[in-house]
Amino acid sequence: MPSRFRSPYWSQVKTSNLPSFCPGLRVSSLLAIAALVLVTAITPGPNNLVVMRKASRAGLIDALPSVLGVVCGSVALLAVVAAGAGFAFTAWPPLRLLIGIGGAGYLVWLGLGLMCASRGHGHEPKLPSGTWGLFGFQFLNPKAWVMVLTVVASSRPGGPFDAFTRLAPLFIVIPAACLLLWASLGAALSSQLARPAARLWSDRLLGVLLIVSAPLMFV
């Protein structure tokens, strides 16, 4: 467009931040945050393993309440951090370490419960299940805390409501899709895990993965 036909309004439109549905957050920042949430949600972790085990035992439909609990719990954790809980970690850094130690200890306890139960040393392990069980589990999951704290810190500073409304759609769509993939994998393996021996070894493997994932929370 010739310079004599340009107006200040046109210049403002050309340099405005997009997209308009996500005010205050650049496209590059939005994509980076979405990539972080995707990597965290799709890689093996406590949520994925618990949901996959539930689907392998009871089917995909019965695993949906667990998926709902994880998603709702993640959004609730995001709301807590966006409302100001993240400042507590900045003011007192050991708090993050304490939550990591507590969450990692809980994961080790769950893993040992799976391994001991599979060897006949106990009853069915008490894993978090259902909507409310997985909802509360997010507040004990160090991986969820690290993801939420990192994402909120990476977003452009603003009010708590602005931060929550910008990030909540990502915390709903991406984790839900990833959890459904893991649940589908568990449902696909249900026929192979119908035999007691296969189920025993799958529980042992899940227990080992939970224990191994515990120290990774401090990386």
N, C-alpha and C. Protein backbone atom coordinates (compact mmCIF):
# COMPACT_ATOMS: atom_id res chain seq x y z
N MET A 1 0.85 -1.18 0.00
CA MET A 1 0.00 0.00 0.00
C MET A 1 0.89 1.24 0.00
N PRO A 2 0.65 2.20 -0.89
CA PRO A 2 1.45 3.42 -0.91
C PRO A 2 1.40 4.11 0.43
N SER A 3 2.52 4.79 0.75
CA SER A 3 2.62 5.39 2.07
C SER A 3 1.61 6.49 2.28
N ARG A 4 1.22 7.20 1.19
CA ARG A 4 0.28 8.29 1.38
C ARG A 4 -1.12 7.82 1.74
N PHE A 5 -1.40 6.54 1.51
CA PHE A 5 -2.72 5.99 1.86
C PHE A 5 -2.71 5.27 3.21
N ARG A 6 -1.53 5.19 3.83
CA ARG A 6 -1.46 4.50 5.12
C ARG A 6 -1.99 5.42 6.21
N SER A 7 -2.60 4.82 7.20
CA SER A 7 -3.12 5.57 8.33
C SER A 7 -2.54 5.01 9.61
N PRO A 8 -2.55 5.78 10.69
CA PRO A 8 -2.07 5.25 11.97
C PRO A 8 -2.82 4.00 12.39
N TYR A 9 -4.12 3.94 12.06
CA TYR A 9 -4.90 2.76 12.43
C TYR A 9 -4.35 1.52 11.73
N TRP A 10 -3.97 1.65 10.43
CA TRP A 10 -3.44 0.50 9.69
C TRP A 10 -2.14 0.02 10.32
N SER A 11 -1.31 0.96 10.75
CA SER A 11 -0.05 0.57 11.39
C SER A 11 -0.30 -0.17 12.68
N GLN A 12 -1.29 0.26 13.44
CA GLN A 12 -1.60 -0.43 14.69
C GLN A 12 -2.12 -1.83 14.44
N VAL A 13 -2.92 -2.00 13.39
CA VAL A 13 -3.43 -3.33 13.07
C VAL A 13 -2.30 -4.25 12.66
N LYS A 14 -1.33 -3.72 11.88
CA LYS A 14 -0.23 -4.54 11.41
C LYS A 14 0.67 -5.01 12.55
N THR A 15 0.78 -4.21 13.60
CA THR A 15 1.69 -4.56 14.69
C THR A 15 0.96 -5.09 15.91
N SER A 16 -0.32 -5.33 15.80
CA SER A 16 -1.06 -5.81 16.96
C SER A 16 -0.73 -7.26 17.24
N ASN A 17 -0.89 -7.66 18.48
CA ASN A 17 -0.63 -9.04 18.88
C ASN A 17 -1.84 -9.89 18.56
N LEU A 18 -1.58 -11.04 17.98
CA LEU A 18 -2.62 -11.98 17.65
C LEU A 18 -2.36 -13.25 18.45
N PRO A 19 -3.35 -14.13 18.66
CA PRO A 19 -4.70 -14.00 18.16
C PRO A 19 -5.58 -13.18 19.08
N SER A 20 -6.67 -12.69 18.56
CA SER A 20 -7.55 -11.84 19.36
C SER A 20 -8.26 -12.60 20.46
N PHE A 21 -8.41 -13.93 20.30
CA PHE A 21 -9.11 -14.70 21.33
C PHE A 21 -8.20 -14.94 22.53
N CYS A 22 -6.94 -14.56 22.44
CA CYS A 22 -6.01 -14.77 23.54
C CYS A 22 -5.27 -13.47 23.81
N PRO A 23 -5.95 -12.43 24.30
CA PRO A 23 -5.33 -11.14 24.47
C PRO A 23 -4.17 -11.18 25.46
N GLY A 24 -3.11 -10.40 25.13
CA GLY A 24 -1.96 -10.31 26.02
C GLY A 24 -0.98 -11.44 25.88
N LEU A 25 -1.17 -12.35 24.93
CA LEU A 25 -0.29 -13.49 24.78
C LEU A 25 0.05 -13.63 23.30
N ARG A 26 1.32 -13.52 22.95
CA ARG A 26 1.74 -13.62 21.57
C ARG A 26 1.54 -15.04 21.04
N VAL A 27 1.48 -15.14 19.69
CA VAL A 27 1.30 -16.45 19.08
C VAL A 27 2.47 -17.36 19.42
N SER A 28 3.70 -16.81 19.37
CA SER A 28 4.87 -17.63 19.68
C SER A 28 4.83 -18.15 21.12
N SER A 29 4.41 -17.29 22.05
CA SER A 29 4.31 -17.72 23.44
C SER A 29 3.22 -18.77 23.61
N LEU A 30 2.10 -18.58 22.92
CA LEU A 30 1.01 -19.54 23.00
C LEU A 30 1.44 -20.91 22.48
N LEU A 31 2.15 -20.93 21.35
CA LEU A 31 2.62 -22.20 20.79
C LEU A 31 3.65 -22.86 21.70
N ALA A 32 4.53 -22.06 22.31
CA ALA A 32 5.53 -22.63 23.22
C ALA A 32 4.87 -23.24 24.44
N ILE A 33 3.87 -22.56 24.99
CA ILE A 33 3.16 -23.08 26.16
C ILE A 33 2.39 -24.34 25.78
N ALA A 34 1.74 -24.33 24.60
CA ALA A 34 1.00 -25.50 24.15
C ALA A 34 1.93 -26.69 23.97
N ALA A 35 3.14 -26.44 23.44
CA ALA A 35 4.11 -27.52 23.26
C ALA A 35 4.56 -28.08 24.61
N LEU A 36 4.75 -27.21 25.60
CA LEU A 36 5.15 -27.66 26.93
C LEU A 36 4.06 -28.52 27.55
N VAL A 37 2.81 -28.08 27.45
CA VAL A 37 1.70 -28.86 28.00
C VAL A 37 1.59 -30.20 27.28
N LEU A 38 1.78 -30.19 25.96
CA LEU A 38 1.68 -31.43 25.19
C LEU A 38 2.76 -32.43 25.60
N VAL A 39 3.99 -31.97 25.70
CA VAL A 39 5.09 -32.87 26.07
C VAL A 39 4.86 -33.45 27.47
N THR A 40 4.41 -32.60 28.38
CA THR A 40 4.17 -33.06 29.75
C THR A 40 3.01 -34.05 29.81
N ALA A 41 1.98 -33.80 29.00
CA ALA A 41 0.77 -34.64 29.08
C ALA A 41 0.93 -35.96 28.33
N ILE A 42 1.73 -35.99 27.27
CA ILE A 42 1.79 -37.19 26.43
C ILE A 42 2.85 -38.17 26.92
N THR A 43 3.89 -37.69 27.62
CA THR A 43 4.95 -38.57 28.08
C THR A 43 4.47 -39.39 29.28
N PRO A 44 5.07 -40.56 29.49
CA PRO A 44 4.63 -41.41 30.61
C PRO A 44 4.73 -40.70 31.94
N GLY A 45 3.69 -40.82 32.73
CA GLY A 45 3.64 -40.21 34.04
C GLY A 45 2.55 -40.85 34.87
N PRO A 46 2.41 -40.44 36.11
CA PRO A 46 1.42 -41.07 36.99
C PRO A 46 0.01 -41.04 36.43
N ASN A 47 -0.41 -39.90 35.90
CA ASN A 47 -1.78 -39.81 35.37
C ASN A 47 -2.01 -40.80 34.23
N ASN A 48 -1.08 -40.82 33.28
CA ASN A 48 -1.24 -41.70 32.12
C ASN A 48 -1.24 -43.17 32.52
N LEU A 49 -0.36 -43.52 33.45
CA LEU A 49 -0.27 -44.93 33.86
C LEU A 49 -1.52 -45.38 34.59
N VAL A 50 -2.03 -44.53 35.47
CA VAL A 50 -3.25 -44.89 36.21
C VAL A 50 -4.44 -45.01 35.28
N VAL A 51 -4.57 -44.07 34.33
CA VAL A 51 -5.68 -44.12 33.39
C VAL A 51 -5.56 -45.33 32.47
N MET A 52 -4.36 -45.63 32.01
CA MET A 52 -4.17 -46.78 31.13
C MET A 52 -4.50 -48.08 31.86
N ARG A 53 -4.09 -48.20 33.11
CA ARG A 53 -4.40 -49.40 33.88
C ARG A 53 -5.90 -49.56 34.07
N LYS A 54 -6.58 -48.44 34.36
CA LYS A 54 -8.03 -48.51 34.53
C LYS A 54 -8.71 -48.97 33.25
N ALA A 55 -8.27 -48.45 32.10
CA ALA A 55 -8.87 -48.83 30.83
C ALA A 55 -8.57 -50.29 30.49
N SER A 56 -7.40 -50.76 30.85
CA SER A 56 -7.05 -52.15 30.55
C SER A 56 -7.85 -53.13 31.41
N ARG A 57 -8.29 -52.68 32.59
CA ARG A 57 -9.05 -53.55 33.48
C ARG A 57 -10.56 -53.46 33.24
N ALA A 58 -11.05 -52.25 32.99
CA ALA A 58 -12.50 -52.05 32.93
C ALA A 58 -13.01 -51.54 31.59
N GLY A 59 -12.12 -51.19 30.67
CA GLY A 59 -12.57 -50.69 29.38
C GLY A 59 -12.46 -49.17 29.27
N LEU A 60 -12.57 -48.69 28.05
CA LEU A 60 -12.40 -47.27 27.78
C LEU A 60 -13.49 -46.42 28.44
N ILE A 61 -14.73 -46.89 28.39
CA ILE A 61 -15.84 -46.10 28.94
C ILE A 61 -15.67 -45.90 30.43
N ASP A 62 -15.29 -46.96 31.15
CA ASP A 62 -15.12 -46.84 32.59
C ASP A 62 -13.91 -45.99 32.98
N ALA A 63 -13.00 -45.75 32.04
CA ALA A 63 -11.84 -44.92 32.32
C ALA A 63 -12.13 -43.43 32.13
N LEU A 64 -13.26 -43.11 31.51
CA LEU A 64 -13.58 -41.70 31.24
C LEU A 64 -13.72 -40.87 32.52
N PRO A 65 -14.34 -41.37 33.61
CA PRO A 65 -14.37 -40.57 34.84
C PRO A 65 -12.97 -40.23 35.37
N SER A 66 -12.03 -41.15 35.19
CA SER A 66 -10.66 -40.87 35.61
C SER A 66 -10.05 -39.76 34.75
N VAL A 67 -10.31 -39.81 33.45
CA VAL A 67 -9.82 -38.75 32.56
C VAL A 67 -10.42 -37.41 32.97
N LEU A 68 -11.71 -37.41 33.27
CA LEU A 68 -12.37 -36.17 33.70
C LEU A 68 -11.77 -35.65 34.99
N GLY A 69 -11.46 -36.54 35.92
CA GLY A 69 -10.86 -36.11 37.18
C GLY A 69 -9.50 -35.47 36.99
N VAL A 70 -8.68 -36.05 36.10
CA VAL A 70 -7.35 -35.49 35.84
C VAL A 70 -7.48 -34.10 35.23
N VAL A 71 -8.35 -33.95 34.23
CA VAL A 71 -8.50 -32.66 33.55
C VAL A 71 -9.03 -31.60 34.51
N CYS A 72 -10.08 -31.94 35.26
CA CYS A 72 -10.65 -30.97 36.21
C CYS A 72 -9.66 -30.63 37.31
N GLY A 73 -8.92 -31.62 37.78
CA GLY A 73 -7.92 -31.35 38.80
C GLY A 73 -6.80 -30.45 38.30
N SER A 74 -6.38 -30.66 37.05
CA SER A 74 -5.34 -29.81 36.47
C SER A 74 -5.81 -28.37 36.33
N VAL A 75 -7.06 -28.20 35.91
CA VAL A 75 -7.62 -26.84 35.77
C VAL A 75 -7.74 -26.19 37.14
N ALA A 76 -8.16 -26.96 38.15
CA ALA A 76 -8.26 -26.41 39.50
C ALA A 76 -6.89 -26.02 40.04
N LEU A 77 -5.88 -26.84 39.76
CA LEU A 77 -4.52 -26.51 40.19
C LEU A 77 -4.03 -25.25 39.49
N LEU A 78 -4.36 -25.12 38.20
CA LEU A 78 -4.01 -23.91 37.46
C LEU A 78 -4.66 -22.68 38.09
N ALA A 79 -5.93 -22.81 38.49
CA ALA A 79 -6.62 -21.68 39.12
C ALA A 79 -5.96 -21.29 40.44
N VAL A 80 -5.54 -22.29 41.21
CA VAL A 80 -4.90 -22.01 42.51
C VAL A 80 -3.58 -21.27 42.30
N VAL A 81 -2.78 -21.74 41.34
CA VAL A 81 -1.48 -21.12 41.10
C VAL A 81 -1.67 -19.73 40.50
N ALA A 82 -2.58 -19.59 39.54
CA ALA A 82 -2.81 -18.29 38.91
C ALA A 82 -3.36 -17.29 39.91
N ALA A 83 -4.08 -17.76 40.92
CA ALA A 83 -4.66 -16.86 41.91
C ALA A 83 -3.62 -16.32 42.89
N GLY A 84 -2.42 -16.88 42.84
CA GLY A 84 -1.37 -16.33 43.70
C GLY A 84 -0.55 -17.34 44.47
N ALA A 85 -0.91 -18.63 44.38
CA ALA A 85 -0.13 -19.62 45.12
C ALA A 85 1.30 -19.72 44.60
N GLY A 86 1.50 -19.37 43.32
CA GLY A 86 2.84 -19.43 42.77
C GLY A 86 3.80 -18.48 43.45
N PHE A 87 3.29 -17.37 44.00
CA PHE A 87 4.16 -16.43 44.69
C PHE A 87 4.74 -17.04 45.95
N ALA A 88 4.04 -17.99 46.53
CA ALA A 88 4.56 -18.64 47.74
C ALA A 88 5.84 -19.41 47.42
N PHE A 89 5.92 -20.01 46.23
CA PHE A 89 7.13 -20.73 45.84
C PHE A 89 8.29 -19.77 45.60
N THR A 90 7.98 -18.57 45.09
CA THR A 90 9.02 -17.57 44.89
C THR A 90 9.50 -17.00 46.22
N ALA A 91 8.58 -16.77 47.14
CA ALA A 91 8.95 -16.20 48.43
C ALA A 91 9.70 -17.21 49.29
N TRP A 92 9.35 -18.49 49.16
CA TRP A 92 10.00 -19.52 49.97
C TRP A 92 10.32 -20.72 49.08
N PRO A 93 11.49 -20.72 48.40
CA PRO A 93 11.86 -21.79 47.46
C PRO A 93 11.82 -23.20 48.03
N PRO A 94 12.14 -23.42 49.34
CA PRO A 94 12.07 -24.81 49.84
C PRO A 94 10.68 -25.43 49.74
N LEU A 95 9.63 -24.61 49.58
CA LEU A 95 8.28 -25.16 49.49
C LEU A 95 8.14 -26.07 48.29
N ARG A 96 8.75 -25.68 47.18
CA ARG A 96 8.68 -26.51 45.98
C ARG A 96 9.37 -27.84 46.20
N LEU A 97 10.50 -27.81 46.92
CA LEU A 97 11.21 -29.05 47.22
C LEU A 97 10.39 -29.95 48.13
N LEU A 98 9.73 -29.36 49.11
CA LEU A 98 8.92 -30.15 50.03
C LEU A 98 7.77 -30.83 49.31
N ILE A 99 7.12 -30.10 48.41
CA ILE A 99 6.02 -30.71 47.64
C ILE A 99 6.56 -31.82 46.75
N GLY A 100 7.75 -31.59 46.17
CA GLY A 100 8.36 -32.63 45.35
C GLY A 100 8.68 -33.88 46.14
N ILE A 101 9.21 -33.71 47.34
CA ILE A 101 9.54 -34.87 48.18
C ILE A 101 8.27 -35.62 48.58
N GLY A 102 7.24 -34.87 48.98
CA GLY A 102 5.99 -35.53 49.36
C GLY A 102 5.35 -36.26 48.20
N GLY A 103 5.31 -35.61 47.03
CA GLY A 103 4.71 -36.25 45.87
C GLY A 103 5.51 -37.45 45.39
N ALA A 104 6.85 -37.33 45.40
CA ALA A 104 7.69 -38.45 44.97
C ALA A 104 7.53 -39.63 45.93
N GLY A 105 7.45 -39.34 47.23
CA GLY A 105 7.23 -40.42 48.19
C GLY A 105 5.91 -41.13 47.96
N TYR A 106 4.89 -40.36 47.59
CA TYR A 106 3.58 -40.95 47.31
C TYR A 106 3.64 -41.85 46.08
N LEU A 107 4.38 -41.42 45.05
CA LEU A 107 4.51 -42.25 43.85
C LEU A 107 5.26 -43.54 44.15
N VAL A 108 6.30 -43.46 44.98
CA VAL A 108 7.03 -44.67 45.36
C VAL A 108 6.13 -45.61 46.14
N TRP A 109 5.30 -45.05 47.01
CA TRP A 109 4.37 -45.88 47.78
C TRP A 109 3.36 -46.58 46.86
N LEU A 110 2.86 -45.85 45.86
CA LEU A 110 1.93 -46.47 44.90
C LEU A 110 2.64 -47.57 44.11
N GLY A 111 3.87 -47.29 43.66
CA GLY A 111 4.60 -48.29 42.89
C GLY A 111 4.88 -49.54 43.68
N LEU A 112 5.31 -49.37 44.93
CA LEU A 112 5.56 -50.53 45.78
C LEU A 112 4.27 -51.30 46.06
N GLY A 113 3.15 -50.57 46.19
CA GLY A 113 1.87 -51.24 46.39
C GLY A 113 1.50 -52.12 45.22
N LEU A 114 1.76 -51.64 44.01
CA LEU A 114 1.48 -52.44 42.82
C LEU A 114 2.37 -53.68 42.77
N MET A 115 3.64 -53.50 43.05
CA MET A 115 4.56 -54.63 42.96
C MET A 115 4.29 -55.66 44.05
N CYS A 116 4.00 -55.22 45.26
CA CYS A 116 3.73 -56.17 46.34
C CYS A 116 2.40 -56.90 46.13
N ALA A 117 1.38 -56.18 45.64
CA ALA A 117 0.10 -56.82 45.39
C ALA A 117 0.21 -57.85 44.29
N SER A 118 1.04 -57.56 43.28
CA SER A 118 1.19 -58.51 42.18
C SER A 118 1.91 -59.78 42.61
N ARG A 119 2.66 -59.70 43.71
CA ARG A 119 3.37 -60.88 44.19
C ARG A 119 2.56 -61.65 45.23
N GLY A 120 1.33 -61.19 45.47
CA GLY A 120 0.47 -61.89 46.40
C GLY A 120 0.70 -61.52 47.84
N HIS A 121 1.37 -60.36 48.07
CA HIS A 121 1.66 -59.94 49.43
C HIS A 121 0.60 -58.98 49.98
N GLY A 122 -0.45 -58.78 49.23
CA GLY A 122 -1.47 -57.86 49.69
C GLY A 122 -2.67 -57.92 48.79
N HIS A 123 -3.63 -57.05 49.09
CA HIS A 123 -4.84 -57.00 48.30
C HIS A 123 -4.63 -56.09 47.09
N GLU A 124 -5.69 -55.83 46.38
CA GLU A 124 -5.62 -54.94 45.24
C GLU A 124 -5.09 -53.58 45.68
N PRO A 125 -4.06 -53.04 44.98
CA PRO A 125 -3.46 -51.78 45.40
C PRO A 125 -4.46 -50.64 45.35
N LYS A 126 -4.36 -49.73 46.31
CA LYS A 126 -5.28 -48.61 46.41
C LYS A 126 -4.78 -47.44 45.56
N LEU A 127 -4.93 -47.56 44.26
CA LEU A 127 -4.58 -46.48 43.36
C LEU A 127 -5.70 -45.46 43.31
N PRO A 128 -5.39 -44.20 43.04
CA PRO A 128 -6.47 -43.21 42.89
C PRO A 128 -7.34 -43.57 41.70
N SER A 129 -8.63 -43.45 41.85
CA SER A 129 -9.54 -43.83 40.77
C SER A 129 -10.77 -42.95 40.82
N GLY A 130 -11.49 -42.93 39.72
CA GLY A 130 -12.71 -42.14 39.65
C GLY A 130 -12.42 -40.66 39.50
N THR A 131 -13.48 -39.90 39.33
CA THR A 131 -13.34 -38.47 39.09
C THR A 131 -12.71 -37.76 40.28
N TRP A 132 -13.24 -37.99 41.47
CA TRP A 132 -12.74 -37.27 42.64
C TRP A 132 -11.37 -37.77 43.08
N GLY A 133 -11.12 -39.07 42.91
CA GLY A 133 -9.81 -39.60 43.28
C GLY A 133 -8.69 -39.00 42.44
N LEU A 134 -8.89 -38.92 41.12
CA LEU A 134 -7.88 -38.34 40.25
C LEU A 134 -7.85 -36.82 40.36
N PHE A 135 -9.00 -36.21 40.71
CA PHE A 135 -9.02 -34.77 40.94
C PHE A 135 -8.07 -34.39 42.08
N GLY A 136 -8.22 -35.06 43.21
CA GLY A 136 -7.35 -34.78 44.34
C GLY A 136 -5.91 -35.19 44.10
N PHE A 137 -5.71 -36.21 43.27
CA PHE A 137 -4.36 -36.70 42.99
C PHE A 137 -3.50 -35.64 42.33
N GLN A 138 -4.11 -34.71 41.58
CA GLN A 138 -3.33 -33.68 40.89
C GLN A 138 -2.60 -32.78 41.88
N PHE A 139 -3.14 -32.59 43.07
CA PHE A 139 -2.50 -31.74 44.06
C PHE A 139 -1.36 -32.46 44.78
N LEU A 140 -1.22 -33.77 44.54
CA LEU A 140 -0.10 -34.55 45.08
C LEU A 140 0.88 -34.96 43.99
N ASN A 141 0.60 -34.59 42.78
CA ASN A 141 1.40 -35.01 41.63
C ASN A 141 2.45 -33.94 41.34
N PRO A 142 3.73 -34.20 41.63
CA PRO A 142 4.76 -33.19 41.38
C PRO A 142 4.86 -32.79 39.91
N LYS A 143 4.61 -33.73 39.00
CA LYS A 143 4.67 -33.41 37.58
C LYS A 143 3.62 -32.37 37.22
N ALA A 144 2.44 -32.46 37.82
CA ALA A 144 1.40 -31.46 37.57
C ALA A 144 1.80 -30.10 38.13
N TRP A 145 2.39 -30.09 39.33
CA TRP A 145 2.83 -28.83 39.93
C TRP A 145 3.90 -28.15 39.07
N VAL A 146 4.89 -28.94 38.63
CA VAL A 146 5.97 -28.37 37.82
C VAL A 146 5.42 -27.79 36.53
N MET A 147 4.51 -28.51 35.88
CA MET A 147 3.95 -28.03 34.63
C MET A 147 3.18 -26.73 34.83
N VAL A 148 2.32 -26.69 35.85
CA VAL A 148 1.49 -25.50 36.07
C VAL A 148 2.36 -24.30 36.45
N LEU A 149 3.30 -24.49 37.34
CA LEU A 149 4.17 -23.39 37.76
C LEU A 149 4.98 -22.85 36.59
N THR A 150 5.49 -23.76 35.74
CA THR A 150 6.29 -23.33 34.60
C THR A 150 5.44 -22.57 33.59
N VAL A 151 4.25 -23.07 33.32
CA VAL A 151 3.38 -22.43 32.33
C VAL A 151 2.93 -21.05 32.80
N VAL A 152 2.53 -20.95 34.06
CA VAL A 152 2.08 -19.66 34.57
C VAL A 152 3.22 -18.65 34.57
N ALA A 153 4.43 -19.11 34.91
CA ALA A 153 5.58 -18.20 34.91
C ALA A 153 5.96 -17.78 33.49
N SER A 154 5.67 -18.63 32.49
CA SER A 154 6.03 -18.31 31.11
C SER A 154 5.04 -17.38 30.44
N SER A 155 3.82 -17.30 30.95
CA SER A 155 2.82 -16.44 30.35
C SER A 155 3.08 -15.00 30.72
N ARG A 156 2.52 -14.07 29.90
CA ARG A 156 2.73 -12.65 30.15
C ARG A 156 2.05 -12.26 31.45
N PRO A 157 2.73 -11.46 32.28
CA PRO A 157 2.12 -11.06 33.56
C PRO A 157 0.78 -10.37 33.34
N GLY A 158 -0.13 -10.63 34.23
CA GLY A 158 -1.46 -10.04 34.17
C GLY A 158 -2.22 -10.43 35.42
N GLY A 159 -3.47 -10.09 35.45
CA GLY A 159 -4.28 -10.45 36.59
C GLY A 159 -4.53 -11.94 36.65
N PRO A 160 -4.91 -12.46 37.82
CA PRO A 160 -5.17 -13.89 37.95
C PRO A 160 -6.24 -14.39 37.00
N PHE A 161 -7.30 -13.61 36.82
CA PHE A 161 -8.37 -14.05 35.93
C PHE A 161 -7.89 -14.11 34.48
N ASP A 162 -7.07 -13.12 34.07
CA ASP A 162 -6.55 -13.12 32.71
C ASP A 162 -5.66 -14.33 32.46
N ALA A 163 -4.77 -14.62 33.40
CA ALA A 163 -3.89 -15.77 33.24
C ALA A 163 -4.68 -17.07 33.16
N PHE A 164 -5.69 -17.20 33.99
CA PHE A 164 -6.48 -18.44 34.00
C PHE A 164 -7.26 -18.60 32.70
N THR A 165 -7.91 -17.53 32.22
CA THR A 165 -8.72 -17.64 31.01
C THR A 165 -7.85 -17.88 29.78
N ARG A 166 -6.60 -17.40 29.79
CA ARG A 166 -5.72 -17.64 28.66
C ARG A 166 -5.25 -19.08 28.60
N LEU A 167 -4.99 -19.67 29.76
CA LEU A 167 -4.34 -20.97 29.81
C LEU A 167 -5.30 -22.13 29.99
N ALA A 168 -6.48 -21.88 30.55
CA ALA A 168 -7.41 -22.98 30.84
C ALA A 168 -7.77 -23.81 29.61
N PRO A 169 -8.03 -23.21 28.43
CA PRO A 169 -8.36 -24.05 27.27
C PRO A 169 -7.26 -25.04 26.92
N LEU A 170 -5.99 -24.63 27.07
CA LEU A 170 -4.89 -25.55 26.80
C LEU A 170 -4.87 -26.71 27.79
N PHE A 171 -5.21 -26.42 29.05
CA PHE A 171 -5.19 -27.44 30.09
C PHE A 171 -6.40 -28.37 30.00
N ILE A 172 -7.37 -28.02 29.19
CA ILE A 172 -8.53 -28.89 29.00
C ILE A 172 -8.35 -29.76 27.76
N VAL A 173 -8.04 -29.14 26.65
CA VAL A 173 -8.02 -29.85 25.36
C VAL A 173 -6.83 -30.80 25.26
N ILE A 174 -5.62 -30.30 25.54
CA ILE A 174 -4.42 -31.11 25.31
C ILE A 174 -4.34 -32.30 26.26
N PRO A 175 -4.46 -32.13 27.58
CA PRO A 175 -4.41 -33.31 28.46
C PRO A 175 -5.53 -34.30 28.19
N ALA A 176 -6.74 -33.81 27.87
CA ALA A 176 -7.84 -34.73 27.59
C ALA A 176 -7.52 -35.61 26.39
N ALA A 177 -6.98 -35.02 25.33
CA ALA A 177 -6.64 -35.79 24.13
C ALA A 177 -5.54 -36.81 24.44
N CYS A 178 -4.53 -36.41 25.20
CA CYS A 178 -3.43 -37.31 25.52
C CYS A 178 -3.90 -38.46 26.41
N LEU A 179 -4.73 -38.15 27.40
CA LEU A 179 -5.24 -39.19 28.28
C LEU A 179 -6.13 -40.18 27.54
N LEU A 180 -6.90 -39.69 26.59
CA LEU A 180 -7.73 -40.59 25.80
C LEU A 180 -6.88 -41.53 24.96
N LEU A 181 -5.73 -41.04 24.48
CA LEU A 181 -4.82 -41.91 23.74
C LEU A 181 -4.28 -43.02 24.64
N TRP A 182 -3.87 -42.66 25.85
CA TRP A 182 -3.38 -43.67 26.78
C TRP A 182 -4.49 -44.64 27.20
N ALA A 183 -5.69 -44.12 27.40
CA ALA A 183 -6.81 -44.99 27.75
C ALA A 183 -7.12 -45.94 26.60
N SER A 184 -7.05 -45.46 25.38
CA SER A 184 -7.29 -46.32 24.21
C SER A 184 -6.23 -47.40 24.12
N LEU A 185 -4.98 -47.05 24.44
CA LEU A 185 -3.93 -48.06 24.45
C LEU A 185 -4.22 -49.13 25.50
N GLY A 186 -4.64 -48.71 26.68
CA GLY A 186 -4.98 -49.69 27.71
C GLY A 186 -6.14 -50.57 27.32
N ALA A 187 -7.16 -49.99 26.69
CA ALA A 187 -8.31 -50.78 26.25
C ALA A 187 -7.90 -51.78 25.17
N ALA A 188 -6.97 -51.36 24.29
CA ALA A 188 -6.52 -52.26 23.23
C ALA A 188 -5.73 -53.44 23.80
N LEU A 189 -5.10 -53.24 24.95
CA LEU A 189 -4.32 -54.31 25.57
C LEU A 189 -5.13 -55.16 26.54
N SER A 190 -6.41 -54.86 26.68
CA SER A 190 -7.23 -55.56 27.68
C SER A 190 -7.31 -57.06 27.41
N SER A 191 -7.41 -57.44 26.14
CA SER A 191 -7.52 -58.87 25.83
C SER A 191 -6.23 -59.60 26.17
N GLN A 192 -5.07 -58.95 25.92
CA GLN A 192 -3.79 -59.59 26.26
C GLN A 192 -3.57 -59.65 27.77
N LEU A 193 -4.18 -58.70 28.49
CA LEU A 193 -3.99 -58.66 29.94
C LEU A 193 -5.07 -59.43 30.70
N ALA A 194 -5.91 -60.17 29.98
CA ALA A 194 -6.96 -60.94 30.64
C ALA A 194 -6.38 -62.12 31.41
N ARG A 195 -5.24 -62.63 30.97
CA ARG A 195 -4.62 -63.76 31.67
C ARG A 195 -3.98 -63.28 32.96
N PRO A 196 -4.09 -64.03 34.04
CA PRO A 196 -3.52 -63.61 35.33
C PRO A 196 -2.02 -63.33 35.27
N ALA A 197 -1.28 -64.16 34.53
CA ALA A 197 0.18 -63.97 34.45
C ALA A 197 0.51 -62.65 33.77
N ALA A 198 -0.20 -62.34 32.67
CA ALA A 198 0.05 -61.09 31.97
C ALA A 198 -0.33 -59.89 32.83
N ARG A 199 -1.42 -60.02 33.57
CA ARG A 199 -1.84 -58.93 34.45
C ARG A 199 -0.83 -58.71 35.58
N LEU A 200 -0.26 -59.80 36.08
CA LEU A 200 0.73 -59.70 37.15
C LEU A 200 1.95 -58.93 36.66
N TRP A 201 2.45 -59.29 35.47
CA TRP A 201 3.64 -58.61 34.95
C TRP A 201 3.33 -57.18 34.56
N SER A 202 2.13 -56.89 34.11
CA SER A 202 1.79 -55.51 33.78
C SER A 202 1.76 -54.65 35.04
N ASP A 203 1.25 -55.19 36.15
CA ASP A 203 1.25 -54.45 37.41
C ASP A 203 2.67 -54.21 37.90
N ARG A 204 3.52 -55.21 37.74
CA ARG A 204 4.92 -55.03 38.15
C ARG A 204 5.59 -53.94 37.31
N LEU A 205 5.32 -53.95 36.02
CA LEU A 205 5.92 -52.94 35.14
C LEU A 205 5.41 -51.55 35.49
N LEU A 206 4.12 -51.41 35.73
CA LEU A 206 3.56 -50.12 36.10
C LEU A 206 4.13 -49.65 37.44
N GLY A 207 4.30 -50.60 38.38
CA GLY A 207 4.89 -50.23 39.65
C GLY A 207 6.31 -49.71 39.50
N VAL A 208 7.10 -50.38 38.67
CA VAL A 208 8.48 -49.93 38.42
C VAL A 208 8.49 -48.56 37.76
N LEU A 209 7.59 -48.33 36.80
CA LEU A 209 7.54 -47.04 36.11
C LEU A 209 7.15 -45.91 37.07
N LEU A 210 6.24 -46.20 37.99
CA LEU A 210 5.87 -45.18 38.97
C LEU A 210 7.05 -44.83 39.88
N ILE A 211 7.80 -45.86 40.29
CA ILE A 211 8.95 -45.61 41.15
C ILE A 211 10.03 -44.85 40.40
N VAL A 212 10.26 -45.23 39.13
CA VAL A 212 11.28 -44.55 38.33
C VAL A 212 10.90 -43.10 38.05
N SER A 213 9.61 -42.84 37.89
CA SER A 213 9.18 -41.48 37.58
C SER A 213 9.29 -40.54 38.77
N ALA A 214 9.39 -41.09 39.98
CA ALA A 214 9.44 -40.24 41.18
C ALA A 214 10.66 -39.31 41.19
N PRO A 215 11.90 -39.83 41.03
CA PRO A 215 13.04 -38.90 41.07
C PRO A 215 13.09 -37.96 39.87
N LEU A 216 12.43 -38.32 38.76
CA LEU A 216 12.44 -37.44 37.60
C LEU A 216 11.68 -36.16 37.86
N MET A 217 10.87 -36.12 38.91
CA MET A 217 10.12 -34.91 39.23
C MET A 217 11.04 -33.77 39.68
N PHE A 218 12.27 -34.12 40.09
CA PHE A 218 13.18 -33.08 40.58
C PHE A 218 14.11 -32.57 39.49
N VAL A 219 13.99 -33.12 38.27
CA VAL A 219 14.85 -32.67 37.17
C VAL A 219 14.40 -31.31 36.69
